[in-house]
Protein backbone atom coordinates (compact mmCIF):
# COMPACT_ATOMS: atom_id res chain seq x y z
CA GLU A 1 123.74 91.20 153.21
CA LEU A 2 120.72 90.25 151.10
CA ARG A 3 119.13 88.44 154.05
CA SER A 4 119.63 91.52 156.25
CA GLN A 5 118.02 93.79 153.66
CA SER A 6 115.17 91.36 153.20
CA HIS A 7 114.59 91.34 156.96
CA ASN A 8 114.54 95.16 157.05
CA VAL A 9 112.05 95.29 154.19
CA SER A 10 109.83 92.79 155.98
CA LYS A 11 109.92 94.90 159.16
CA HIS A 12 109.04 98.04 157.23
CA VAL A 13 106.17 96.32 155.44
CA ALA A 14 104.83 95.04 158.77
CA ILE A 15 105.06 98.52 160.31
CA MET A 16 103.32 100.13 157.33
CA GLY A 17 100.60 97.51 157.47
CA GLU A 18 100.00 98.18 161.16
CA LEU A 19 99.92 101.94 160.59
CA ALA A 20 97.41 101.52 157.77
CA ARG A 21 95.27 99.32 160.02
CA LEU A 22 95.30 101.92 162.82
CA VAL A 23 94.46 104.74 160.41
CA GLU A 24 91.48 102.72 159.21
CA ILE A 25 90.06 101.52 162.53
CA CYS A 26 90.49 104.91 164.25
CA SER A 27 89.01 106.87 161.30
CA LEU A 28 92.09 109.07 161.27
CA MET A 29 91.57 110.20 157.68
CA ASP A 30 88.08 111.46 158.56
CA VAL A 31 89.40 113.18 161.69
CA SER A 32 92.20 114.82 159.71
CA GLN A 33 89.83 115.96 156.98
CA PHE A 34 87.52 117.59 159.52
CA GLU A 35 90.47 119.32 161.19
CA GLN A 36 91.44 120.76 157.80
CA GLU A 37 87.88 121.87 157.10
CA LEU A 38 87.72 123.62 160.46
CA ALA A 39 90.97 125.42 159.73
CA CYS A 40 90.29 126.38 156.12
CA SER A 41 86.57 126.99 155.64
CA ASP A 42 83.93 129.05 157.37
CA ASP A 43 80.69 127.09 157.47
CA HIS A 44 79.54 127.06 161.07
CA SER A 45 76.35 125.06 160.67
CA ILE A 46 77.97 122.30 158.62
CA HIS A 47 80.92 122.16 161.04
CA TYR A 48 78.55 121.86 163.99
CA LYS A 49 76.65 118.97 162.40
CA GLU A 50 79.86 117.21 161.42
CA LEU A 51 81.29 117.69 164.93
CA LEU A 52 78.21 116.05 166.44
CA ASP A 53 78.58 113.19 163.96
CA LYS A 54 82.24 112.70 164.91
CA LEU A 55 81.49 112.89 168.64
CA GLY A 56 78.84 110.20 168.24
CA SER A 57 81.11 107.85 166.30
CA MET A 58 82.30 104.71 168.07
CA HIS A 59 85.30 104.51 165.72
CA ILE A 60 86.89 107.80 166.76
CA LYS A 61 89.01 107.69 169.90
CA ILE A 62 88.17 109.94 172.87
CA PRO A 63 91.37 112.05 172.61
CA ASP A 64 90.54 112.74 168.94
CA LYS A 65 86.99 113.74 169.89
CA LEU A 66 88.34 116.09 172.53
CA ARG A 67 90.76 117.66 170.06
CA LEU A 68 87.98 118.15 167.49
CA GLY A 69 85.73 119.76 170.09
CA LEU A 70 88.50 122.10 171.20
CA LEU A 71 89.36 123.06 167.63
CA TYR A 72 85.69 123.78 166.94
CA ALA A 73 85.40 125.91 170.08
CA LEU A 74 88.54 127.86 169.19
CA ARG A 75 87.43 128.32 165.59
CA TYR A 76 84.05 129.76 166.55
CA GLN A 77 84.86 131.39 169.88
CA HIS A 78 84.17 134.89 168.53
CA SER A 79 81.05 134.02 166.58
CA GLY A 80 78.86 134.52 169.62
CA ASN A 81 77.11 131.19 169.11
CA ILE A 82 79.23 128.09 169.67
CA ASN A 83 76.07 125.93 169.97
């Protein structure tokens, strides 16, 4: 029983370590923060500059860049100037 529980704990620790590694190398915390900023604040010029920064980053995956661009476009679709 103890050996089985120890094995399960080891598996969970390994999974959590891999998830933390992926979050770090894919800049997922930065991506998530920008998504929240797009949803919750209204600062078009800062959002535009930050979007360009994220799109130019080698650490952010292409699907994440696409999602950020789409969120930006949806957020500012009625502003008349999406840039």
